[in-house]
Full PDB file with SEQRES, HELIX, SHEET, SSBOND, CRYST1, ORIGX, SCALE, CONECT and MASTER records, all heavy atoms in Angstrom:
SEQRES   1 A   42  THR ILE GLY VAL SER LEU GLY LEU ILE SER GLY TYR MET          
SEQRES   2 A   42  GLY GLY TRP VAL ASP ARG VAL ILE SER SER LEU VAL ASN          
SEQRES   3 A   42  LEU ILE LEU SER VAL PRO TYR LEU VAL LEU VAL ILE VAL          
SEQRES   4 A   42  ALA ALA THR                                                  
HELIX    1 AA1 ILE A    2  MET A   13  1                                  12    
HELIX    2 AA2 GLY A   15  LEU A   29  1                                  15    
HELIX    3 AA3 TYR A   33  ALA A   41  1                                   9    
CRYST1    1.000    1.000    1.000  90.00  90.00  90.00 P 1           1          
ORIGX1      1.000000  0.000000  0.000000        0.00000                         
ORIGX2      0.000000  1.000000  0.000000        0.00000                         
ORIGX3      0.000000  0.000000  1.000000        0.00000                         
SCALE1      1.000000  0.000000  0.000000        0.00000                         
SCALE2      0.000000  1.000000  0.000000        0.00000                         
SCALE3      0.000000  0.000000  1.000000        0.00000                         
ATOM      1  N   THR A   1      51.863  24.333  48.150  1.00  0.00           N  
ATOM      2  CA  THR A   1      51.121  24.032  49.371  1.00  0.00           C  
ATOM      3  C   THR A   1      51.546  22.690  49.961  1.00  0.00           C  
ATOM      4  O   THR A   1      51.850  22.572  51.161  1.00  0.00           O  
ATOM      5  CB  THR A   1      49.612  24.020  49.091  1.00  0.00           C  
ATOM      6  OG1 THR A   1      49.223  25.305  48.589  1.00  0.00           O  
ATOM      7  CG2 THR A   1      48.827  23.723  50.359  1.00  0.00           C  
ATOM      8  N   ILE A   2      51.576  21.664  49.118  1.00  0.00           N  
ATOM      9  CA  ILE A   2      51.958  20.334  49.600  1.00  0.00           C  
ATOM     10  C   ILE A   2      53.445  20.278  49.917  1.00  0.00           C  
ATOM     11  O   ILE A   2      53.856  19.770  50.969  1.00  0.00           O  
ATOM     12  CB  ILE A   2      51.593  19.261  48.556  1.00  0.00           C  
ATOM     13  CG1 ILE A   2      50.095  19.279  48.263  1.00  0.00           C  
ATOM     14  CG2 ILE A   2      52.015  17.876  49.041  1.00  0.00           C  
ATOM     15  CD1 ILE A   2      49.678  18.330  47.152  1.00  0.00           C  
ATOM     16  N   GLY A   3      54.273  20.806  49.004  1.00  0.00           N  
ATOM     17  CA  GLY A   3      55.715  20.696  49.178  1.00  0.00           C  
ATOM     18  C   GLY A   3      56.247  21.459  50.373  1.00  0.00           C  
ATOM     19  O   GLY A   3      57.091  20.948  51.116  1.00  0.00           O  
ATOM     20  N   VAL A   4      55.756  22.683  50.580  1.00  0.00           N  
ATOM     21  CA  VAL A   4      56.226  23.470  51.726  1.00  0.00           C  
ATOM     22  C   VAL A   4      55.794  22.827  53.036  1.00  0.00           C  
ATOM     23  O   VAL A   4      56.566  22.765  54.003  1.00  0.00           O  
ATOM     24  CB  VAL A   4      55.701  24.917  51.621  1.00  0.00           C  
ATOM     25  CG1 VAL A   4      56.000  25.689  52.900  1.00  0.00           C  
ATOM     26  CG2 VAL A   4      56.324  25.622  50.425  1.00  0.00           C  
ATOM     27  N   SER A   5      54.588  22.312  53.089  1.00  0.00           N  
ATOM     28  CA  SER A   5      54.108  21.652  54.310  1.00  0.00           C  
ATOM     29  C   SER A   5      54.969  20.436  54.648  1.00  0.00           C  
ATOM     30  O   SER A   5      55.421  20.271  55.794  1.00  0.00           O  
ATOM     31  CB  SER A   5      52.651  21.228  54.146  1.00  0.00           C  
ATOM     32  OG  SER A   5      51.824  22.349  53.892  1.00  0.00           O  
ATOM     33  N   LEU A   6      55.214  19.590  53.658  1.00  0.00           N  
ATOM     34  CA  LEU A   6      56.043  18.408  53.897  1.00  0.00           C  
ATOM     35  C   LEU A   6      57.488  18.791  54.212  1.00  0.00           C  
ATOM     36  O   LEU A   6      58.139  18.155  55.046  1.00  0.00           O  
ATOM     37  CB  LEU A   6      56.005  17.484  52.686  1.00  0.00           C  
ATOM     38  CG  LEU A   6      54.660  16.814  52.371  1.00  0.00           C  
ATOM     39  CD1 LEU A   6      54.752  15.983  51.104  1.00  0.00           C  
ATOM     40  CD2 LEU A   6      54.213  15.943  53.542  1.00  0.00           C  
ATOM     41  N   GLY A   7      57.995  19.826  53.536  1.00  0.00           N  
ATOM     42  CA  GLY A   7      59.362  20.265  53.795  1.00  0.00           C  
ATOM     43  C   GLY A   7      59.547  20.810  55.195  1.00  0.00           C  
ATOM     44  O   GLY A   7      60.571  20.548  55.846  1.00  0.00           O  
ATOM     45  N   LEU A   8      58.569  21.562  55.684  1.00  0.00           N  
ATOM     46  CA  LEU A   8      58.644  22.080  57.048  1.00  0.00           C  
ATOM     47  C   LEU A   8      58.625  20.951  58.067  1.00  0.00           C  
ATOM     48  O   LEU A   8      59.403  20.939  59.032  1.00  0.00           O  
ATOM     49  CB  LEU A   8      57.480  23.039  57.305  1.00  0.00           C  
ATOM     50  CG  LEU A   8      57.527  24.391  56.575  1.00  0.00           C  
ATOM     51  CD1 LEU A   8      56.227  25.149  56.788  1.00  0.00           C  
ATOM     52  CD2 LEU A   8      58.706  25.230  57.054  1.00  0.00           C  
ATOM     53  N   ILE A   9      57.737  19.986  57.845  1.00  0.00           N  
ATOM     54  CA  ILE A   9      57.651  18.844  58.762  1.00  0.00           C  
ATOM     55  C   ILE A   9      58.933  18.026  58.725  1.00  0.00           C  
ATOM     56  O   ILE A   9      59.490  17.653  59.768  1.00  0.00           O  
ATOM     57  CB  ILE A   9      56.436  17.970  58.409  1.00  0.00           C  
ATOM     58  CG1 ILE A   9      55.141  18.752  58.622  1.00  0.00           C  
ATOM     59  CG2 ILE A   9      56.425  16.692  59.243  1.00  0.00           C  
ATOM     60  CD1 ILE A   9      53.905  18.025  58.134  1.00  0.00           C  
ATOM     61  N   SER A  10      59.408  17.743  57.518  1.00  0.00           N  
ATOM     62  CA  SER A  10      60.606  16.914  57.377  1.00  0.00           C  
ATOM     63  C   SER A  10      61.837  17.590  57.961  1.00  0.00           C  
ATOM     64  O   SER A  10      62.607  16.969  58.706  1.00  0.00           O  
ATOM     65  CB  SER A  10      60.834  16.610  55.888  1.00  0.00           C  
ATOM     66  OG  SER A  10      62.028  15.899  55.691  1.00  0.00           O  
ATOM     67  N   GLY A  11      62.037  18.862  57.646  1.00  0.00           N  
ATOM     68  CA  GLY A  11      63.236  19.544  58.105  1.00  0.00           C  
ATOM     69  C   GLY A  11      63.259  19.813  59.588  1.00  0.00           C  
ATOM     70  O   GLY A  11      64.319  19.715  60.223  1.00  0.00           O  
ATOM     71  N   TYR A  12      62.114  20.120  60.181  1.00  0.00           N  
ATOM     72  CA  TYR A  12      62.109  20.487  61.599  1.00  0.00           C  
ATOM     73  C   TYR A  12      62.031  19.262  62.521  1.00  0.00           C  
ATOM     74  O   TYR A  12      62.700  19.224  63.553  1.00  0.00           O  
ATOM     75  CB  TYR A  12      60.944  21.420  61.900  1.00  0.00           C  
ATOM     76  CG  TYR A  12      61.025  22.028  63.287  1.00  0.00           C  
ATOM     77  CD1 TYR A  12      61.867  23.110  63.534  1.00  0.00           C  
ATOM     78  CD2 TYR A  12      60.277  21.517  64.344  1.00  0.00           C  
ATOM     79  CE1 TYR A  12      61.965  23.660  64.799  1.00  0.00           C  
ATOM     80  CE2 TYR A  12      60.364  22.062  65.608  1.00  0.00           C  
ATOM     81  CZ  TYR A  12      61.207  23.135  65.837  1.00  0.00           C  
ATOM     82  OH  TYR A  12      61.296  23.670  67.107  1.00  0.00           O  
ATOM     83  N   MET A  13      61.233  18.278  62.138  1.00  0.00           N  
ATOM     84  CA  MET A  13      61.067  17.113  63.000  1.00  0.00           C  
ATOM     85  C   MET A  13      62.245  16.150  62.897  1.00  0.00           C  
ATOM     86  O   MET A  13      62.678  15.576  63.897  1.00  0.00           O  
ATOM     87  CB  MET A  13      59.763  16.389  62.660  1.00  0.00           C  
ATOM     88  CG  MET A  13      58.515  17.189  62.938  1.00  0.00           C  
ATOM     89  SD  MET A  13      56.995  16.224  62.756  1.00  0.00           S  
ATOM     90  CE  MET A  13      57.200  15.000  64.044  1.00  0.00           C  
ATOM     91  N   GLY A  14      62.767  15.957  61.688  1.00  0.00           N  
ATOM     92  CA  GLY A  14      63.889  15.046  61.510  1.00  0.00           C  
ATOM     93  C   GLY A  14      63.503  13.605  61.816  1.00  0.00           C  
ATOM     94  O   GLY A  14      62.332  13.227  61.793  1.00  0.00           O  
ATOM     95  N   GLY A  15      64.486  12.786  62.126  1.00  0.00           N  
ATOM     96  CA  GLY A  15      64.225  11.401  62.513  1.00  0.00           C  
ATOM     97  C   GLY A  15      63.609  10.580  61.390  1.00  0.00           C  
ATOM     98  O   GLY A  15      63.879  10.788  60.205  1.00  0.00           O  
ATOM     99  N   TRP A  16      62.751   9.651  61.790  1.00  0.00           N  
ATOM    100  CA  TRP A  16      62.147   8.739  60.812  1.00  0.00           C  
ATOM    101  C   TRP A  16      61.185   9.474  59.873  1.00  0.00           C  
ATOM    102  O   TRP A  16      61.018   9.067  58.721  1.00  0.00           O  
ATOM    103  CB  TRP A  16      61.420   7.605  61.531  1.00  0.00           C  
ATOM    104  CG  TRP A  16      60.203   8.045  62.323  1.00  0.00           C  
ATOM    105  CD1 TRP A  16      60.171   8.427  63.626  1.00  0.00           C  
ATOM    106  CD2 TRP A  16      58.864   8.133  61.833  1.00  0.00           C  
ATOM    107  NE1 TRP A  16      58.894   8.767  63.995  1.00  0.00           N  
ATOM    108  CE2 TRP A  16      58.069   8.590  62.925  1.00  0.00           C  
ATOM    109  CE3 TRP A  16      58.247   7.896  60.620  1.00  0.00           C  
ATOM    110  CZ2 TRP A  16      56.693   8.798  62.791  1.00  0.00           C  
ATOM    111  CZ3 TRP A  16      56.889   8.107  60.479  1.00  0.00           C  
ATOM    112  CH2 TRP A  16      56.125   8.543  61.568  1.00  0.00           C  
ATOM    113  N   VAL A  17      60.574  10.558  60.368  1.00  0.00           N  
ATOM    114  CA  VAL A  17      59.684  11.342  59.504  1.00  0.00           C  
ATOM    115  C   VAL A  17      60.470  11.933  58.346  1.00  0.00           C  
ATOM    116  O   VAL A  17      60.044  11.881  57.185  1.00  0.00           O  
ATOM    117  CB  VAL A  17      58.988  12.458  60.317  1.00  0.00           C  
ATOM    118  CG1 VAL A  17      58.151  13.334  59.396  1.00  0.00           C  
ATOM    119  CG2 VAL A  17      58.127  11.859  61.416  1.00  0.00           C  
ATOM    120  N   ASP A  18      61.629  12.476  58.655  1.00  0.00           N  
ATOM    121  CA  ASP A  18      62.480  13.050  57.617  1.00  0.00           C  
ATOM    122  C   ASP A  18      62.936  11.974  56.642  1.00  0.00           C  
ATOM    123  O   ASP A  18      62.963  12.196  55.422  1.00  0.00           O  
ATOM    124  CB  ASP A  18      63.682  13.731  58.270  1.00  0.00           C  
ATOM    125  CG  ASP A  18      64.581  14.417  57.253  1.00  0.00           C  
ATOM    126  OD1 ASP A  18      64.074  14.824  56.197  1.00  0.00           O  
ATOM    127  OD2 ASP A  18      65.797  14.531  57.510  1.00  0.00           O  
ATOM    128  N   ARG A  19      63.291  10.807  57.141  1.00  0.00           N  
ATOM    129  CA  ARG A  19      63.761   9.734  56.266  1.00  0.00           C  
ATOM    130  C   ARG A  19      62.661   9.250  55.328  1.00  0.00           C  
ATOM    131  O   ARG A  19      62.915   8.978  54.151  1.00  0.00           O  
ATOM    132  CB  ARG A  19      64.298   8.573  57.115  1.00  0.00           C  
ATOM    133  CG  ARG A  19      65.606   8.880  57.826  1.00  0.00           C  
ATOM    134  CD  ARG A  19      66.236   7.621  58.374  1.00  0.00           C  
ATOM    135  NE  ARG A  19      65.421   7.038  59.424  1.00  0.00           N  
ATOM    136  CZ  ARG A  19      65.520   7.332  60.726  1.00  0.00           C  
ATOM    137  NH1 ARG A  19      66.419   8.235  61.114  1.00  0.00           N  
ATOM    138  NH2 ARG A  19      64.753   6.761  61.623  1.00  0.00           N  
ATOM    139  N   VAL A  20      61.435   9.134  55.841  1.00  0.00           N  
ATOM    140  CA  VAL A  20      60.325   8.664  55.009  1.00  0.00           C  
ATOM    141  C   VAL A  20      60.013   9.673  53.902  1.00  0.00           C  
ATOM    142  O   VAL A  20      59.887   9.316  52.726  1.00  0.00           O  
ATOM    143  CB  VAL A  20      59.075   8.395  55.877  1.00  0.00           C  
ATOM    144  CG1 VAL A  20      57.854   8.152  54.990  1.00  0.00           C  
ATOM    145  CG2 VAL A  20      59.301   7.210  56.786  1.00  0.00           C  
ATOM    146  N   ILE A  21      59.884  10.947  54.282  1.00  0.00           N  
ATOM    147  CA  ILE A  21      59.559  11.975  53.287  1.00  0.00           C  
ATOM    148  C   ILE A  21      60.684  12.116  52.270  1.00  0.00           C  
ATOM    149  O   ILE A  21      60.431  12.227  51.051  1.00  0.00           O  
ATOM    150  CB  ILE A  21      59.274  13.313  53.990  1.00  0.00           C  
ATOM    151  CG1 ILE A  21      58.024  13.203  54.867  1.00  0.00           C  
ATOM    152  CG2 ILE A  21      59.113  14.431  52.963  1.00  0.00           C  
ATOM    153  CD1 ILE A  21      57.693  14.456  55.640  1.00  0.00           C  
ATOM    154  N   SER A  22      61.930  12.091  52.730  1.00  0.00           N  
ATOM    155  CA  SER A  22      63.062  12.223  51.809  1.00  0.00           C  
ATOM    156  C   SER A  22      63.133  11.036  50.853  1.00  0.00           C  
ATOM    157  O   SER A  22      63.474  11.196  49.670  1.00  0.00           O  
ATOM    158  CB  SER A  22      64.373  12.332  52.599  1.00  0.00           C  
ATOM    159  OG  SER A  22      64.381  13.492  53.401  1.00  0.00           O  
ATOM    160  N   SER A  23      62.811   9.844  51.333  1.00  0.00           N  
ATOM    161  CA  SER A  23      62.827   8.665  50.464  1.00  0.00           C  
ATOM    162  C   SER A  23      61.765   8.769  49.378  1.00  0.00           C  
ATOM    163  O   SER A  23      62.014   8.432  48.209  1.00  0.00           O  
ATOM    164  CB  SER A  23      62.607   7.398  51.300  1.00  0.00           C  
ATOM    165  OG  SER A  23      63.635   7.228  52.253  1.00  0.00           O  
ATOM    166  N   LEU A  24      60.555   9.245  49.742  1.00  0.00           N  
ATOM    167  CA  LEU A  24      59.500   9.421  48.749  1.00  0.00           C  
ATOM    168  C   LEU A  24      59.890  10.468  47.715  1.00  0.00           C  
ATOM    169  O   LEU A  24      59.651  10.283  46.509  1.00  0.00           O  
ATOM    170  CB  LEU A  24      58.196   9.821  49.441  1.00  0.00           C  
ATOM    171  CG  LEU A  24      57.533   8.745  50.322  1.00  0.00           C  
ATOM    172  CD1 LEU A  24      56.317   9.332  51.040  1.00  0.00           C  
ATOM    173  CD2 LEU A  24      57.132   7.539  49.497  1.00  0.00           C  
ATOM    174  N   VAL A  25      60.497  11.551  48.176  1.00  0.00           N  
ATOM    175  CA  VAL A  25      60.931  12.602  47.253  1.00  0.00           C  
ATOM    176  C   VAL A  25      61.997  12.080  46.297  1.00  0.00           C  
ATOM    177  O   VAL A  25      61.945  12.308  45.079  1.00  0.00           O  
ATOM    178  CB  VAL A  25      61.455  13.816  48.044  1.00  0.00           C  
ATOM    179  CG1 VAL A  25      62.160  14.807  47.116  1.00  0.00           C  
ATOM    180  CG2 VAL A  25      60.317  14.506  48.776  1.00  0.00           C  
ATOM    181  N   ASN A  26      62.970  11.354  46.834  1.00  0.00           N  
ATOM    182  CA  ASN A  26      64.028  10.808  45.980  1.00  0.00           C  
ATOM    183  C   ASN A  26      63.483   9.790  44.986  1.00  0.00           C  
ATOM    184  O   ASN A  26      63.968   9.682  43.857  1.00  0.00           O  
ATOM    185  CB  ASN A  26      65.112  10.158  46.845  1.00  0.00           C  
ATOM    186  CG  ASN A  26      65.886  11.179  47.660  1.00  0.00           C  
ATOM    187  OD1 ASN A  26      66.029  12.334  47.260  1.00  0.00           O  
ATOM    188  ND2 ASN A  26      66.379  10.765  48.817  1.00  0.00           N  
ATOM    189  N   LEU A  27      62.469   9.040  45.412  1.00  0.00           N  
ATOM    190  CA  LEU A  27      61.858   8.060  44.509  1.00  0.00           C  
ATOM    191  C   LEU A  27      61.183   8.745  43.325  1.00  0.00           C  
ATOM    192  O   LEU A  27      61.330   8.318  42.175  1.00  0.00           O  
ATOM    193  CB  LEU A  27      60.841   7.212  45.278  1.00  0.00           C  
ATOM    194  CG  LEU A  27      60.070   6.169  44.458  1.00  0.00           C  
ATOM    195  CD1 LEU A  27      61.035   5.132  43.894  1.00  0.00           C  
ATOM    196  CD2 LEU A  27      59.013   5.494  45.324  1.00  0.00           C  
ATOM    197  N   ILE A  28      60.455   9.828  43.606  1.00  0.00           N  
ATOM    198  CA  ILE A  28      59.786  10.552  42.521  1.00  0.00           C  
ATOM    199  C   ILE A  28      60.803  11.229  41.611  1.00  0.00           C  
ATOM    200  O   ILE A  28      60.678  11.202  40.378  1.00  0.00           O  
ATOM    201  CB  ILE A  28      58.807  11.590  43.102  1.00  0.00           C  
ATOM    202  CG1 ILE A  28      57.695  10.888  43.903  1.00  0.00           C  
ATOM    203  CG2 ILE A  28      58.198  12.443  41.996  1.00  0.00           C  
ATOM    204  CD1 ILE A  28      56.752  11.848  44.597  1.00  0.00           C  
ATOM    205  N   LEU A  29      61.847  11.814  42.204  1.00  0.00           N  
ATOM    206  CA  LEU A  29      62.850  12.512  41.408  1.00  0.00           C  
ATOM    207  C   LEU A  29      63.726  11.567  40.603  1.00  0.00           C  
ATOM    208  O   LEU A  29      64.402  11.996  39.661  1.00  0.00           O  
ATOM    209  CB  LEU A  29      63.732  13.375  42.315  1.00  0.00           C  
ATOM    210  CG  LEU A  29      63.045  14.577  42.976  1.00  0.00           C  
ATOM    211  CD1 LEU A  29      64.008  15.291  43.912  1.00  0.00           C  
ATOM    212  CD2 LEU A  29      62.524  15.539  41.921  1.00  0.00           C  
ATOM    213  N   SER A  30      63.737  10.287  40.961  1.00  0.00           N  
ATOM    214  CA  SER A  30      64.543   9.320  40.210  1.00  0.00           C  
ATOM    215  C   SER A  30      63.944   9.019  38.842  1.00  0.00           C  
ATOM    216  O   SER A  30      64.638   8.504  37.956  1.00  0.00           O  
ATOM    217  CB  SER A  30      64.680   8.016  41.006  1.00  0.00           C  
ATOM    218  OG  SER A  30      63.420   7.385  41.176  1.00  0.00           O  
ATOM    219  N   VAL A  31      62.656   9.322  38.664  1.00  0.00           N  
ATOM    220  CA  VAL A  31      61.988   9.110  37.377  1.00  0.00           C  
ATOM    221  C   VAL A  31      62.110  10.394  36.552  1.00  0.00           C  
ATOM    222  O   VAL A  31      61.842  11.480  37.072  1.00  0.00           O  
ATOM    223  CB  VAL A  31      60.502   8.750  37.577  1.00  0.00           C  
ATOM    224  CG1 VAL A  31      59.827   8.484  36.236  1.00  0.00           C  
ATOM    225  CG2 VAL A  31      60.363   7.543  38.491  1.00  0.00           C  
ATOM    226  N   PRO A  32      62.521  10.315  35.295  1.00  0.00           N  
ATOM    227  CA  PRO A  32      62.583  11.523  34.452  1.00  0.00           C  
ATOM    228  C   PRO A  32      61.248  12.260  34.455  1.00  0.00           C  
ATOM    229  O   PRO A  32      60.192  11.648  34.281  1.00  0.00           O  
ATOM    230  CB  PRO A  32      62.919  10.963  33.065  1.00  0.00           C  
ATOM    231  CG  PRO A  32      63.643   9.683  33.351  1.00  0.00           C  
ATOM    232  CD  PRO A  32      62.998   9.117  34.587  1.00  0.00           C  
ATOM    233  N   TYR A  33      61.318  13.578  34.655  1.00  0.00           N  
ATOM    234  CA  TYR A  33      60.091  14.357  34.861  1.00  0.00           C  
ATOM    235  C   TYR A  33      59.137  14.258  33.679  1.00  0.00           C  
ATOM    236  O   TYR A  33      57.937  14.046  33.853  1.00  0.00           O  
ATOM    237  CB  TYR A  33      60.453  15.822  35.120  1.00  0.00           C  
ATOM    238  CG  TYR A  33      59.248  16.705  35.350  1.00  0.00           C  
ATOM    239  CD1 TYR A  33      58.558  16.651  36.557  1.00  0.00           C  
ATOM    240  CD2 TYR A  33      58.794  17.562  34.361  1.00  0.00           C  
ATOM    241  CE1 TYR A  33      57.445  17.444  36.774  1.00  0.00           C  
ATOM    242  CE2 TYR A  33      57.685  18.362  34.575  1.00  0.00           C  
ATOM    243  CZ  TYR A  33      57.021  18.304  35.777  1.00  0.00           C  
ATOM    244  OH  TYR A  33      55.912  19.083  35.981  1.00  0.00           O  
ATOM    245  N   LEU A  34      59.651  14.404  32.477  1.00  0.00           N  
ATOM    246  CA  LEU A  34      58.780  14.384  31.305  1.00  0.00           C  
ATOM    247  C   LEU A  34      58.103  13.022  31.139  1.00  0.00           C  
ATOM    248  O   LEU A  34      56.921  12.952  30.792  1.00  0.00           O  
ATOM    249  CB  LEU A  34      59.587  14.727  30.050  1.00  0.00           C  
ATOM    250  CG  LEU A  34      58.800  14.901  28.754  1.00  0.00           C  
ATOM    251  CD1 LEU A  34      57.749  15.992  28.925  1.00  0.00           C  
ATOM    252  CD2 LEU A  34      59.725  15.232  27.592  1.00  0.00           C  
ATOM    253  N   VAL A  35      58.844  11.949  31.415  1.00  0.00           N  
ATOM    254  CA  VAL A  35      58.251  10.607  31.340  1.00  0.00           C  
ATOM    255  C   VAL A  35      57.149  10.451  32.382  1.00  0.00           C  
ATOM    256  O   VAL A  35      56.075   9.907  32.097  1.00  0.00           O  
ATOM    257  CB  VAL A  35      59.345   9.536  31.544  1.00  0.00           C  
ATOM    258  CG1 VAL A  35      58.723   8.135  31.610  1.00  0.00           C  
ATOM    259  CG2 VAL A  35      60.373   9.605  30.432  1.00  0.00           C  
ATOM    260  N   LEU A  36      57.400  10.948  33.585  1.00  0.00           N  
ATOM    261  CA  LEU A  36      56.406  10.852  34.651  1.00  0.00           C  
ATOM    262  C   LEU A  36      55.128  11.598  34.285  1.00  0.00           C  
ATOM    263  O   LEU A  36      54.014  11.097  34.482  1.00  0.00           O  
ATOM    264  CB  LEU A  36      56.996  11.411  35.950  1.00  0.00           C  
ATOM    265  CG  LEU A  36      56.113  11.361  37.204  1.00  0.00           C  
ATOM    266  CD1 LEU A  36      55.805   9.913  37.569  1.00  0.00           C  
ATOM    267  CD2 LEU A  36      56.803  12.053  38.369  1.00  0.00           C  
ATOM    268  N   VAL A  37      55.272  12.793  33.732  1.00  0.00           N  
ATOM    269  CA  VAL A  37      54.102  13.600  33.354  1.00  0.00           C  
ATOM    270  C   VAL A  37      53.326  12.934  32.221  1.00  0.00           C  
ATOM    271  O   VAL A  37      52.090  12.873  32.251  1.00  0.00           O  
ATOM    272  CB  VAL A  37      54.551  15.024  32.961  1.00  0.00           C  
ATOM    273  CG1 VAL A  37      53.395  15.794  32.340  1.00  0.00           C  
ATOM    274  CG2 VAL A  37      55.088  15.772  34.172  1.00  0.00           C  
ATOM    275  N   ILE A  38      54.029  12.426  31.218  1.00  0.00           N  
ATOM    276  CA  ILE A  38      53.355  11.791  30.079  1.00  0.00           C  
ATOM    277  C   ILE A  38      52.601  10.538  30.522  1.00  0.00           C  
ATOM    278  O   ILE A  38      51.450  10.310  30.107  1.00  0.00           O  
ATOM    279  CB  ILE A  38      54.375  11.461  28.977  1.00  0.00           C  
ATOM    280  CG1 ILE A  38      54.902  12.754  28.347  1.00  0.00           C  
ATOM    281  CG2 ILE A  38      53.749  10.571  27.911  1.00  0.00           C  
ATOM    282  CD1 ILE A  38      55.989  12.533  27.307  1.00  0.00           C  
ATOM    283  N   VAL A  39      53.222   9.722  31.366  1.00  0.00           N  
ATOM    284  CA  VAL A  39      52.555   8.505  31.849  1.00  0.00           C  
ATOM    285  C   VAL A  39      51.320   8.862  32.668  1.00  0.00           C  
ATOM    286  O   VAL A  39      50.248   8.267  32.496  1.00  0.00           O  
ATOM    287  CB  VAL A  39      53.540   7.666  32.680  1.00  0.00           C  
ATOM    288  CG1 VAL A  39      52.808   6.519  33.376  1.00  0.00           C  
ATOM    289  CG2 VAL A  39      54.643   7.111  31.802  1.00  0.00           C  
ATOM    290  N   ALA A  40      51.449   9.861  33.556  1.00  0.00           N  
ATOM    291  CA  ALA A  40      50.305  10.265  34.382  1.00  0.00           C  
ATOM    292  C   ALA A  40      49.174  10.823  33.523  1.00  0.00           C  
ATOM    293  O   ALA A  40      47.998  10.520  33.752  1.00  0.00           O  
ATOM    294  CB  ALA A  40      50.754  11.298  35.425  1.00  0.00           C  
ATOM    295  N   ALA A  41      49.515  11.630  32.523  1.00  0.00           N  
ATOM    296  CA  ALA A  41      48.489  12.195  31.645  1.00  0.00           C  
ATOM    297  C   ALA A  41      47.803  11.108  30.830  1.00  0.00           C  
ATOM    298  O   ALA A  41      46.595  11.182  30.569  1.00  0.00           O  
ATOM    299  CB  ALA A  41      49.115  13.239  30.716  1.00  0.00           C  
ATOM    300  N   THR A  42      48.553  10.094  30.427  1.00  0.00           N  
ATOM    301  CA  THR A  42      47.966   8.988  29.671  1.00  0.00           C  
ATOM    302  C   THR A  42      47.005   8.183  30.532  1.00  0.00           C  
ATOM    303  O   THR A  42      45.942   7.741  30.065  1.00  0.00           O  
ATOM    304  CB  THR A  42      49.075   8.075  29.122  1.00  0.00           C  
ATOM    305  OG1 THR A  42      49.992   8.852  28.337  1.00  0.00           O  
ATOM    306  CG2 THR A  42      48.486   6.967  28.265  1.00  0.00           C  
TER     307      THR A  42                                                      
MASTER        0    0    0    3    0    0    0    6  306    1    0    4          
END                                                                             
């Protein structure tokens, strides 16, 4: 629900909206997934 909504907005609108959303996505993906989940659960 969240990902498709943001992806539609980012891909269709482009510009600074796309850059902001893509930067947030890249920031989250830069952290190893298992480490991120364990830290959040803790």
